[in-house]
């Protein structure tokens, strides 16, 4: 079984794809397929975040969440904290 991939891995692969298209070592059609598949992965991550918000669950680790420090009194009444999703890497 291969190791779990993250959004950072996807980003690195996309930058490699861009470089390969620029230097002529990757065909445009292959780059388009990579782009389309990457968009599917991003859309899946968005759905995962929405599901975690709705259910109070946690994600798969593709996106990593981290608490955000907020000064006292900076949040509106009833809001007790913020979770910001950050990219690994």
PDB file of N, CA and C in Angstrom:
ATOM      1  N   UNK A   1       0.848  -1.170   0.000  1.00  0.00           N
ATOM      2  CA  UNK A   1       0.000   0.000   0.000  1.00  0.00           C
ATOM      3  C   UNK A   1       0.895   1.235   0.000  1.00  0.00           C
ATOM      4  N   UNK A   2       0.559   2.220  -0.820  1.00  0.00           N
ATOM      5  CA  UNK A   2       1.391   3.413  -0.900  1.00  0.00           C
ATOM      6  C   UNK A   2       1.052   4.387   0.220  1.00  0.00           C
ATOM      7  N   UNK A   3       1.979   5.313   0.482  1.00  0.00           N
ATOM      8  CA  UNK A   3       1.748   6.292   1.535  1.00  0.00           C
ATOM      9  C   UNK A   3       0.641   7.258   1.130  1.00  0.00           C
ATOM     10  N   UNK A   4       0.014   7.845   2.123  1.00  0.00           N
ATOM     11  CA  UNK A   4      -1.076   8.777   1.883  1.00  0.00           C
ATOM     12  C   UNK A   4      -0.527  10.051   1.255  1.00  0.00           C
ATOM     13  N   UNK A   5      -1.186  10.533   0.230  1.00  0.00           N
ATOM     14  CA  UNK A   5      -0.787  11.758  -0.447  1.00  0.00           C
ATOM     15  C   UNK A   5      -1.558  12.933   0.138  1.00  0.00           C
ATOM     16  N   UNK A   6      -0.960  14.106   0.080  1.00  0.00           N
ATOM     17  CA  UNK A   6      -1.574  15.309   0.621  1.00  0.00           C
ATOM     18  C   UNK A   6      -1.714  16.355  -0.474  1.00  0.00           C
ATOM     19  N   UNK A   7      -2.355  17.461  -0.115  1.00  0.00           N
ATOM     20  CA  UNK A   7      -2.503  18.571  -1.042  1.00  0.00           C
ATOM     21  C   UNK A   7      -1.125  19.094  -1.468  1.00  0.00           C
ATOM     22  N   UNK A   8      -0.128  18.986  -0.594  1.00  0.00           N
ATOM     23  CA  UNK A   8       1.231  19.419  -0.956  1.00  0.00           C
ATOM     24  C   UNK A   8       1.808  18.551  -2.065  1.00  0.00           C
ATOM     25  N   UNK A   9       1.525  17.258  -2.013  1.00  0.00           N
ATOM     26  CA  UNK A   9       1.969  16.355  -3.073  1.00  0.00           C
ATOM     27  C   UNK A   9       1.309  16.722  -4.403  1.00  0.00           C
ATOM     28  N   UNK A  10       0.021  17.029  -4.345  1.00  0.00           N
ATOM     29  CA  UNK A  10      -0.707  17.423  -5.550  1.00  0.00           C
ATOM     30  C   UNK A  10      -0.117  18.704  -6.119  1.00  0.00           C
ATOM     31  N   UNK A  11       0.129  19.673  -5.249  1.00  0.00           N
ATOM     32  CA  UNK A  11       0.696  20.941  -5.707  1.00  0.00           C
ATOM     33  C   UNK A  11       2.060  20.724  -6.367  1.00  0.00           C
ATOM     34  N   UNK A  12       2.909  19.906  -5.753  1.00  0.00           N
ATOM     35  CA  UNK A  12       4.233  19.641  -6.315  1.00  0.00           C
ATOM     36  C   UNK A  12       4.116  18.999  -7.700  1.00  0.00           C
ATOM     37  N   UNK A  13       3.205  18.047  -7.830  1.00  0.00           N
ATOM     38  CA  UNK A  13       3.019  17.386  -9.115  1.00  0.00           C
ATOM     39  C   UNK A  13       2.525  18.363 -10.176  1.00  0.00           C
ATOM     40  N   UNK A  14       1.649  19.276  -9.791  1.00  0.00           N
ATOM     41  CA  UNK A  14       1.144  20.258 -10.752  1.00  0.00           C
ATOM     42  C   UNK A  14       2.257  21.209 -11.198  1.00  0.00           C
ATOM     43  N   UNK A  15       3.121  21.621 -10.270  1.00  0.00           N
ATOM     44  CA  UNK A  15       4.249  22.474 -10.664  1.00  0.00           C
ATOM     45  C   UNK A  15       5.206  21.720 -11.587  1.00  0.00           C
ATOM     46  N   UNK A  16       5.415  20.439 -11.315  1.00  0.00           N
ATOM     47  CA  UNK A  16       6.252  19.629 -12.205  1.00  0.00           C
ATOM     48  C   UNK A  16       5.621  19.532 -13.591  1.00  0.00           C
ATOM     49  N   UNK A  17       4.300  19.389 -13.631  1.00  0.00           N
ATOM     50  CA  UNK A  17       3.582  19.316 -14.905  1.00  0.00           C
ATOM     51  C   UNK A  17       3.727  20.617 -15.678  1.00  0.00           C
ATOM     52  N   UNK A  18       3.568  21.733 -15.000  1.00  0.00           N
ATOM     53  CA  UNK A  18       3.718  23.040 -15.659  1.00  0.00           C
ATOM     54  C   UNK A  18       5.121  23.176 -16.240  1.00  0.00           C
ATOM     55  N   UNK A  19       6.129  22.803 -15.452  1.00  0.00           N
ATOM     56  CA  UNK A  19       7.510  22.897 -15.933  1.00  0.00           C
ATOM     57  C   UNK A  19       7.729  22.006 -17.155  1.00  0.00           C
ATOM     58  N   UNK A  20       7.164  20.801 -17.116  1.00  0.00           N
ATOM     59  CA  UNK A  20       7.330  19.871 -18.229  1.00  0.00           C
ATOM     60  C   UNK A  20       6.644  20.385 -19.497  1.00  0.00           C
ATOM     61  N   UNK A  21       5.497  21.023 -19.346  1.00  0.00           N
ATOM     62  CA  UNK A  21       4.822  21.612 -20.515  1.00  0.00           C
ATOM     63  C   UNK A  21       5.675  22.755 -21.061  1.00  0.00           C
ATOM     64  N   UNK A  22       6.187  23.580 -20.165  1.00  0.00           N
ATOM     65  CA  UNK A  22       6.998  24.723 -20.598  1.00  0.00           C
ATOM     66  C   UNK A  22       8.260  24.301 -21.338  1.00  0.00           C
ATOM     67  N   UNK A  23       8.896  23.217 -20.860  1.00  0.00           N
ATOM     68  CA  UNK A  23      10.137  22.812 -21.536  1.00  0.00           C
ATOM     69  C   UNK A  23       9.902  21.805 -22.665  1.00  0.00           C
ATOM     70  N   UNK A  24       8.651  21.488 -22.913  1.00  0.00           N
ATOM     71  CA  UNK A  24       8.317  20.642 -24.062  1.00  0.00           C
ATOM     72  C   UNK A  24       8.461  19.157 -23.836  1.00  0.00           C
ATOM     73  N   UNK A  25       8.620  18.704 -22.576  1.00  0.00           N
ATOM     74  CA  UNK A  25       8.781  17.267 -22.322  1.00  0.00           C
ATOM     75  C   UNK A  25       7.461  16.569 -21.987  1.00  0.00           C
ATOM     76  N   UNK A  26       6.362  17.330 -21.922  1.00  0.00           N
ATOM     77  CA  UNK A  26       5.056  16.729 -21.657  1.00  0.00           C
ATOM     78  C   UNK A  26       4.055  17.275 -22.668  1.00  0.00           C
ATOM     79  N   UNK A  27       3.310  16.358 -23.281  1.00  0.00           N
ATOM     80  CA  UNK A  27       2.303  16.758 -24.265  1.00  0.00           C
ATOM     81  C   UNK A  27       1.153  17.480 -23.587  1.00  0.00           C
ATOM     82  N   UNK A  28       0.594  18.447 -24.296  1.00  0.00           N
ATOM     83  CA  UNK A  28      -0.517  19.249 -23.781  1.00  0.00           C
ATOM     84  C   UNK A  28      -1.698  18.364 -23.388  1.00  0.00           C
ATOM     85  N   UNK A  29      -2.006  17.361 -24.167  1.00  0.00           N
ATOM     86  CA  UNK A  29      -3.151  16.493 -23.860  1.00  0.00           C
ATOM     87  C   UNK A  29      -2.955  15.762 -22.536  1.00  0.00           C
ATOM     88  N   UNK A  30      -1.755  15.294 -22.264  1.00  0.00           N
ATOM     89  CA  UNK A  30      -1.475  14.628 -20.982  1.00  0.00           C
ATOM     90  C   UNK A  30      -1.583  15.627 -19.833  1.00  0.00           C
ATOM     91  N   UNK A  31      -1.094  16.843 -20.053  1.00  0.00           N
ATOM     92  CA  UNK A  31      -1.190  17.879 -19.024  1.00  0.00           C
ATOM     93  C   UNK A  31      -2.655  18.210 -18.736  1.00  0.00           C
ATOM     94  N   UNK A  32      -3.489  18.224 -19.758  1.00  0.00           N
ATOM     95  CA  UNK A  32      -4.923  18.492 -19.563  1.00  0.00           C
ATOM     96  C   UNK A  32      -5.563  17.406 -18.714  1.00  0.00           C
ATOM     97  N   UNK A  33      -5.197  16.154 -18.940  1.00  0.00           N
ATOM     98  CA  UNK A  33      -5.740  15.050 -18.144  1.00  0.00           C
ATOM     99  C   UNK A  33      -5.299  15.191 -16.689  1.00  0.00           C
ATOM    100  N   UNK A  34      -4.037  15.525 -16.477  1.00  0.00           N
ATOM    101  CA  UNK A  34      -3.542  15.728 -15.112  1.00  0.00           C
ATOM    102  C   UNK A  34      -4.310  16.861 -14.447  1.00  0.00           C
ATOM    103  N   UNK A  35      -4.533  17.932 -15.177  1.00  0.00           N
ATOM    104  CA  UNK A  35      -5.282  19.075 -14.641  1.00  0.00           C
ATOM    105  C   UNK A  35      -6.709  18.680 -14.265  1.00  0.00           C
ATOM    106  N   UNK A  36      -7.375  17.944 -15.137  1.00  0.00           N
ATOM    107  CA  UNK A  36      -8.751  17.521 -14.866  1.00  0.00           C
ATOM    108  C   UNK A  36      -8.821  16.605 -13.642  1.00  0.00           C
ATOM    109  N   UNK A  37      -7.906  15.658 -13.545  1.00  0.00           N
ATOM    110  CA  UNK A  37      -7.891  14.754 -12.393  1.00  0.00           C
ATOM    111  C   UNK A  37      -7.570  15.508 -11.108  1.00  0.00           C
ATOM    112  N   UNK A  38      -6.691  16.487 -11.194  1.00  0.00           N
ATOM    113  CA  UNK A  38      -6.361  17.303 -10.027  1.00  0.00           C
ATOM    114  C   UNK A  38      -7.581  18.076  -9.545  1.00  0.00           C
ATOM    115  N   UNK A  39      -8.368  18.592 -10.491  1.00  0.00           N
ATOM    116  CA  UNK A  39      -9.580  19.331 -10.117  1.00  0.00           C
ATOM    117  C   UNK A  39     -10.569  18.404  -9.417  1.00  0.00           C
ATOM    118  N   UNK A  40     -10.667  17.164  -9.860  1.00  0.00           N
ATOM    119  CA  UNK A  40     -11.528  16.198  -9.187  1.00  0.00           C
ATOM    120  C   UNK A  40     -11.057  15.996  -7.747  1.00  0.00           C
ATOM    121  N   UNK A  41      -9.747  15.901  -7.545  1.00  0.00           N
ATOM    122  CA  UNK A  41      -9.214  15.717  -6.199  1.00  0.00           C
ATOM    123  C   UNK A  41      -9.513  16.925  -5.318  1.00  0.00           C
ATOM    124  N   UNK A  42      -9.372  18.125  -5.861  1.00  0.00           N
ATOM    125  CA  UNK A  42      -9.669  19.338  -5.101  1.00  0.00           C
ATOM    126  C   UNK A  42     -11.157  19.388  -4.753  1.00  0.00           C
ATOM    127  N   UNK A  43     -12.009  19.049  -5.705  1.00  0.00           N
ATOM    128  CA  UNK A  43     -13.449  19.040  -5.438  1.00  0.00           C
ATOM    129  C   UNK A  43     -13.802  18.012  -4.365  1.00  0.00           C
ATOM    130  N   UNK A  44     -13.132  16.870  -4.379  1.00  0.00           N
ATOM    131  CA  UNK A  44     -13.347  15.858  -3.358  1.00  0.00           C
ATOM    132  C   UNK A  44     -12.928  16.388  -1.985  1.00  0.00           C
ATOM    133  N   UNK A  45     -11.803  17.098  -1.931  1.00  0.00           N
ATOM    134  CA  UNK A  45     -11.344  17.685  -0.660  1.00  0.00           C
ATOM    135  C   UNK A  45     -12.346  18.719  -0.160  1.00  0.00           C
ATOM    136  N   UNK A  46     -12.902  19.520  -1.066  1.00  0.00           N
ATOM    137  CA  UNK A  46     -13.920  20.500  -0.674  1.00  0.00           C
ATOM    138  C   UNK A  46     -15.140  19.793  -0.080  1.00  0.00           C
ATOM    139  N   UNK A  47     -15.564  18.714  -0.714  1.00  0.00           N
ATOM    140  CA  UNK A  47     -16.705  17.958  -0.192  1.00  0.00           C
ATOM    141  C   UNK A  47     -16.369  17.363   1.175  1.00  0.00           C
ATOM    142  N   UNK A  48     -15.143  16.916   1.356  1.00  0.00           N
ATOM    143  CA  UNK A  48     -14.708  16.358   2.635  1.00  0.00           C
ATOM    144  C   UNK A  48     -14.766  17.421   3.732  1.00  0.00           C
ATOM    145  N   UNK A  49     -14.308  18.636   3.420  1.00  0.00           N
ATOM    146  CA  UNK A  49     -14.349  19.731   4.390  1.00  0.00           C
ATOM    147  C   UNK A  49     -15.793  20.066   4.739  1.00  0.00           C
ATOM    148  N   UNK A  50     -16.661  20.151   3.729  1.00  0.00           N
ATOM    149  CA  UNK A  50     -18.074  20.441   3.979  1.00  0.00           C
ATOM    150  C   UNK A  50     -18.706  19.368   4.856  1.00  0.00           C
ATOM    151  N   UNK A  51     -18.390  18.105   4.595  1.00  0.00           N
ATOM    152  CA  UNK A  51     -18.926  17.013   5.390  1.00  0.00           C
ATOM    153  C   UNK A  51     -18.426  17.099   6.832  1.00  0.00           C
ATOM    154  N   UNK A  52     -17.143  17.381   7.003  1.00  0.00           N
ATOM    155  CA  UNK A  52     -16.584  17.486   8.362  1.00  0.00           C
ATOM    156  C   UNK A  52     -17.245  18.628   9.124  1.00  0.00           C
ATOM    157  N   UNK A  53     -17.499  19.749   8.437  1.00  0.00           N
ATOM    158  CA  UNK A  53     -18.184  20.873   9.082  1.00  0.00           C
ATOM    159  C   UNK A  53     -19.594  20.471   9.508  1.00  0.00           C
ATOM    160  N   UNK A  54     -20.297  19.781   8.638  1.00  0.00           N
ATOM    161  CA  UNK A  54     -21.691  19.422   8.900  1.00  0.00           C
ATOM    162  C   UNK A  54     -21.828  18.362   9.985  1.00  0.00           C
ATOM    163  N   UNK A  55     -20.876  17.458  10.070  1.00  0.00           N
ATOM    164  CA  UNK A  55     -20.994  16.334  10.999  1.00  0.00           C
ATOM    165  C   UNK A  55     -20.104  16.459  12.226  1.00  0.00           C
ATOM    166  N   UNK A  56     -19.239  17.467  12.224  1.00  0.00           N
ATOM    167  CA  UNK A  56     -18.291  17.596  13.324  1.00  0.00           C
ATOM    168  C   UNK A  56     -17.193  16.557  13.269  1.00  0.00           C
ATOM    169  N   UNK A  57     -17.065  15.914  12.134  1.00  0.00           N
ATOM    170  CA  UNK A  57     -16.066  14.866  11.974  1.00  0.00           C
ATOM    171  C   UNK A  57     -14.718  15.417  11.578  1.00  0.00           C
ATOM    172  N   UNK A  58     -13.813  14.517  11.302  1.00  0.00           N
ATOM    173  CA  UNK A  58     -12.479  14.891  10.854  1.00  0.00           C
ATOM    174  C   UNK A  58     -12.279  14.364   9.446  1.00  0.00           C
ATOM    175  N   UNK A  59     -11.323  14.939   8.756  1.00  0.00           N
ATOM    176  CA  UNK A  59     -11.062  14.540   7.384  1.00  0.00           C
ATOM    177  C   UNK A  59     -10.105  13.372   7.289  1.00  0.00           C
ATOM    178  N   UNK A  60      -9.653  13.137   6.076  1.00  0.00           N
ATOM    179  CA  UNK A  60      -8.776  12.008   5.803  1.00  0.00           C
ATOM    180  C   UNK A  60      -7.301  12.330   6.000  1.00  0.00           C
ATOM    181  N   UNK A  61      -6.986  13.604   6.185  1.00  0.00           N
ATOM    182  CA  UNK A  61      -5.597  14.003   6.297  1.00  0.00           C
ATOM    183  C   UNK A  61      -5.065  14.637   5.029  1.00  0.00           C
ATOM    184  N   UNK A  62      -5.859  14.621   3.953  1.00  0.00           N
ATOM    185  CA  UNK A  62      -5.451  15.289   2.716  1.00  0.00           C
ATOM    186  C   UNK A  62      -5.259  16.773   2.993  1.00  0.00           C
ATOM    187  N   UNK A  63      -6.172  17.347   3.770  1.00  0.00           N
ATOM    188  CA  UNK A  63      -6.039  18.708   4.274  1.00  0.00           C
ATOM    189  C   UNK A  63      -5.802  18.606   5.766  1.00  0.00           C
ATOM    190  N   UNK A  64      -4.999  19.490   6.285  1.00  0.00           N
ATOM    191  CA  UNK A  64      -4.698  19.467   7.710  1.00  0.00           C
ATOM    192  C   UNK A  64      -5.295  20.706   8.362  1.00  0.00           C
ATOM    193  N   UNK A  65      -5.938  20.545   9.498  1.00  0.00           N
ATOM    194  CA  UNK A  65      -6.509  21.706  10.172  1.00  0.00           C
ATOM    195  C   UNK A  65      -5.632  22.091  11.357  1.00  0.00           C
ATOM    196  N   UNK A  66      -5.649  23.381  11.646  1.00  0.00           N
ATOM    197  CA  UNK A  66      -4.861  23.896  12.766  1.00  0.00           C
ATOM    198  C   UNK A  66      -5.665  24.976  13.461  1.00  0.00           C
ATOM    199  N   UNK A  67      -5.607  25.031  14.791  1.00  0.00           N
ATOM    200  CA  UNK A  67      -6.317  26.091  15.496  1.00  0.00           C
ATOM    201  C   UNK A  67      -5.693  27.449  15.187  1.00  0.00           C
ATOM    202  N   UNK A  68      -6.516  28.468  15.192  1.00  0.00           N
ATOM    203  CA  UNK A  68      -6.061  29.827  14.926  1.00  0.00           C
ATOM    204  C   UNK A  68      -6.138  30.619  16.216  1.00  0.00           C
ATOM    205  N   UNK A  69      -5.059  31.279  16.580  1.00  0.00           N
ATOM    206  CA  UNK A  69      -5.053  32.117  17.781  1.00  0.00           C
ATOM    207  C   UNK A  69      -5.813  33.410  17.478  1.00  0.00           C
ATOM    208  N   UNK A  70      -6.777  33.734  18.344  1.00  0.00           N
ATOM    209  CA  UNK A  70      -7.597  34.930  18.171  1.00  0.00           C
ATOM    210  C   UNK A  70      -7.535  35.734  19.461  1.00  0.00           C
ATOM    211  N   UNK A  71      -7.263  37.037  19.365  1.00  0.00           N
ATOM    212  CA  UNK A  71      -7.216  37.853  20.591  1.00  0.00           C
ATOM    213  C   UNK A  71      -8.565  37.853  21.305  1.00  0.00           C
ATOM    214  N   UNK A  72      -8.521  37.960  22.640  1.00  0.00           N
ATOM    215  CA  UNK A  72      -9.752  38.012  23.439  1.00  0.00           C
ATOM    216  C   UNK A  72     -10.644  39.134  22.942  1.00  0.00           C
ATOM    217  N   UNK A  73     -11.929  38.842  22.845  1.00  0.00           N
ATOM    218  CA  UNK A  73     -12.903  39.842  22.438  1.00  0.00           C
ATOM    219  C   UNK A  73     -12.971  40.073  20.935  1.00  0.00           C
ATOM    220  N   UNK A  74     -12.187  39.334  20.141  1.00  0.00           N
ATOM    221  CA  UNK A  74     -12.173  39.557  18.696  1.00  0.00           C
ATOM    222  C   UNK A  74     -13.267  38.785  17.963  1.00  0.00           C
ATOM    223  N   UNK A  75     -13.892  37.816  18.627  1.00  0.00           N
ATOM    224  CA  UNK A  75     -14.931  37.015  17.985  1.00  0.00           C
ATOM    225  C   UNK A  75     -16.313  37.526  18.382  1.00  0.00           C
ATOM    226  N   UNK A  76     -17.267  37.420  17.462  1.00  0.00           N
ATOM    227  CA  UNK A  76     -18.640  37.816  17.803  1.00  0.00           C
ATOM    228  C   UNK A  76     -19.216  36.916  18.898  1.00  0.00           C
ATOM    229  N   UNK A  77     -20.237  37.388  19.584  1.00  0.00           N
ATOM    230  CA  UNK A  77     -20.900  36.594  20.628  1.00  0.00           C
ATOM    231  C   UNK A  77     -21.334  35.247  20.066  1.00  0.00           C
ATOM    232  N   UNK A  78     -21.108  34.206  20.829  1.00  0.00           N
ATOM    233  CA  UNK A  78     -21.521  32.860  20.435  1.00  0.00           C
ATOM    234  C   UNK A  78     -20.465  32.099  19.649  1.00  0.00           C
ATOM    235  N   UNK A  79     -19.469  32.775  19.108  1.00  0.00           N
ATOM    236  CA  UNK A  79     -18.395  32.114  18.371  1.00  0.00           C
ATOM    237  C   UNK A  79     -17.245  31.912  19.349  1.00  0.00           C
ATOM    238  N   UNK A  80     -16.867  30.649  19.541  1.00  0.00           N
ATOM    239  CA  UNK A  80     -15.862  30.348  20.564  1.00  0.00           C
ATOM    240  C   UNK A  80     -14.483  30.054  19.999  1.00  0.00           C
ATOM    241  N   UNK A  81     -14.380  29.888  18.699  1.00  0.00           N
ATOM    242  CA  UNK A  81     -13.077  29.601  18.113  1.00  0.00           C
ATOM    243  C   UNK A  81     -13.162  29.507  16.616  1.00  0.00           C
ATOM    244  N   UNK A  82     -12.017  29.389  15.994  1.00  0.00           N
ATOM    245  CA  UNK A  82     -11.907  29.295  14.540  1.00  0.00           C
ATOM    246  C   UNK A  82     -10.996  28.127  14.214  1.00  0.00           C
ATOM    247  N   UNK A  83     -11.344  27.372  13.184  1.00  0.00           N
ATOM    248  CA  UNK A  83     -10.436  26.362  12.656  1.00  0.00           C
ATOM    249  C   UNK A  83     -10.077  26.769  11.239  1.00  0.00           C
ATOM    250  N   UNK A  84      -8.799  26.877  10.986  1.00  0.00           N
ATOM    251  CA  UNK A  84      -8.336  27.236   9.658  1.00  0.00           C
ATOM    252  C   UNK A  84      -7.693  25.988   9.058  1.00  0.00           C
ATOM    253  N   UNK A  85      -8.057  25.675   7.835  1.00  0.00           N
ATOM    254  CA  UNK A  85      -7.461  24.520   7.151  1.00  0.00           C
ATOM    255  C   UNK A  85      -6.199  25.013   6.440  1.00  0.00           C
ATOM    256  N   UNK A  86      -5.101  24.335   6.724  1.00  0.00           N
ATOM    257  CA  UNK A  86      -3.825  24.717   6.138  1.00  0.00           C
ATOM    258  C   UNK A  86      -3.290  23.561   5.314  1.00  0.00           C
ATOM    259  N   UNK A  87      -2.427  23.894   4.387  1.00  0.00           N
ATOM    260  CA  UNK A  87      -1.833  22.883   3.527  1.00  0.00           C
ATOM    261  C   UNK A  87      -0.587  22.332   4.189  1.00  0.00           C
ATOM    262  N   UNK A  88      -0.405  21.031   4.105  1.00  0.00           N
ATOM    263  CA  UNK A  88       0.797  20.416   4.647  1.00  0.00           C
ATOM    264  C   UNK A  88       1.976  20.741   3.749  1.00  0.00           C
ATOM    265  N   UNK A  89       3.140  20.716   4.329  1.00  0.00           N
ATOM    266  CA  UNK A  89       4.324  20.864   3.496  1.00  0.00           C
ATOM    267  C   UNK A  89       5.329  21.804   4.002  1.00  0.00           C
TER     268      UNK A  89
END
